[in-house]
Amino acid sequence: MNTYKGVIKGNTIVLEERVNLPEGIRAQVVIKPIRPTPKEVIRKQAELMEEAPRVGRLLYKTREELHEW
């Protein structure tokens, strides 16, 4: 029995590598989620930070400045 890794997309599993089996063969699939490593989590967080929209400049440094007119 071989083990392959893949990604679930809807009701389909897309394997990361080619499987050397004939087209249409029936197979049993056992789902076991793969937990990301701490390095993968940090890398993903860094990617999300880079994609985050920039939201302008700081208007007030302190709460008191907000109420100064």
Protein backbone atom coordinates (compact mmCIF):
# COMPACT_ATOMS: atom_id res chain seq x y z
CA MET A 1 0.00 0.00 0.00
CA ASN A 2 1.40 3.41 -1.01
CA THR A 3 0.82 6.75 0.73
CA TYR A 4 0.24 9.92 -1.28
CA LYS A 5 -0.35 13.51 -0.18
CA GLY A 6 -2.96 15.74 -1.75
CA VAL A 7 -5.36 18.63 -1.36
CA ILE A 8 -9.14 18.34 -1.12
CA LYS A 9 -11.01 20.61 -3.57
CA GLY A 10 -14.74 20.19 -3.21
CA ASN A 11 -15.44 16.49 -3.59
CA THR A 12 -12.11 15.78 -5.33
CA ILE A 13 -8.65 15.02 -3.97
CA VAL A 14 -5.80 16.44 -6.07
CA LEU A 15 -2.62 14.47 -5.44
CA GLU A 16 0.74 16.22 -5.24
CA GLU A 17 2.52 13.51 -7.22
CA ARG A 18 1.67 11.21 -10.09
CA VAL A 19 0.12 7.86 -9.20
CA ASN A 20 1.17 4.91 -11.34
CA LEU A 21 -2.25 3.23 -11.53
CA PRO A 22 -4.61 2.65 -14.45
CA GLU A 23 -7.33 5.24 -15.09
CA GLY A 24 -10.68 4.30 -13.52
CA ILE A 25 -9.30 1.89 -10.90
CA ARG A 26 -11.19 1.85 -7.62
CA ALA A 27 -9.21 2.84 -4.54
CA GLN A 28 -9.82 3.26 -0.84
CA VAL A 29 -9.01 6.71 0.53
CA VAL A 30 -8.30 7.32 4.21
CA ILE A 31 -8.36 11.00 5.18
CA LYS A 32 -5.74 12.11 7.69
CA PRO A 33 -5.25 15.90 7.95
CA ILE A 34 -1.61 17.01 7.84
CA ARG A 35 -0.77 19.62 10.47
CA PRO A 36 1.52 22.43 9.28
CA THR A 37 4.96 22.75 10.85
CA PRO A 38 5.75 25.90 12.87
CA LYS A 39 7.97 27.12 10.00
CA GLU A 40 5.08 26.72 7.54
CA VAL A 41 2.77 28.68 9.87
CA ILE A 42 5.31 31.53 10.18
CA ARG A 43 5.84 31.61 6.40
CA LYS A 44 2.07 31.76 5.77
CA GLN A 45 1.64 34.55 8.34
CA ALA A 46 4.42 36.53 6.66
CA GLU A 47 2.72 36.07 3.26
CA LEU A 48 -0.59 37.32 4.67
CA MET A 49 1.11 40.35 6.23
CA GLU A 50 2.64 41.24 2.85
CA GLU A 51 -0.78 40.95 1.17
CA ALA A 52 -2.56 43.05 3.83
CA PRO A 53 -3.77 46.41 2.54
CA ARG A 54 -1.94 49.51 3.73
CA VAL A 55 -4.43 51.72 5.55
CA GLY A 56 -3.00 55.22 5.55
CA ARG A 57 -1.11 57.17 8.15
CA LEU A 58 -1.50 57.56 11.91
CA LEU A 59 -3.73 60.58 12.57
CA TYR A 60 -3.41 60.74 16.36
CA LYS A 61 -0.63 59.52 18.65
CA THR A 62 -2.62 59.78 21.88
CA ARG A 63 -6.27 59.74 22.85
CA GLU A 64 -5.98 63.33 24.10
CA GLU A 65 -5.00 64.57 20.62
CA LEU A 66 -8.30 63.21 19.30
CA HIS A 67 -10.23 65.70 21.45
CA GLU A 68 -8.02 68.75 20.85
CA TRP A 69 -9.73 71.20 18.52
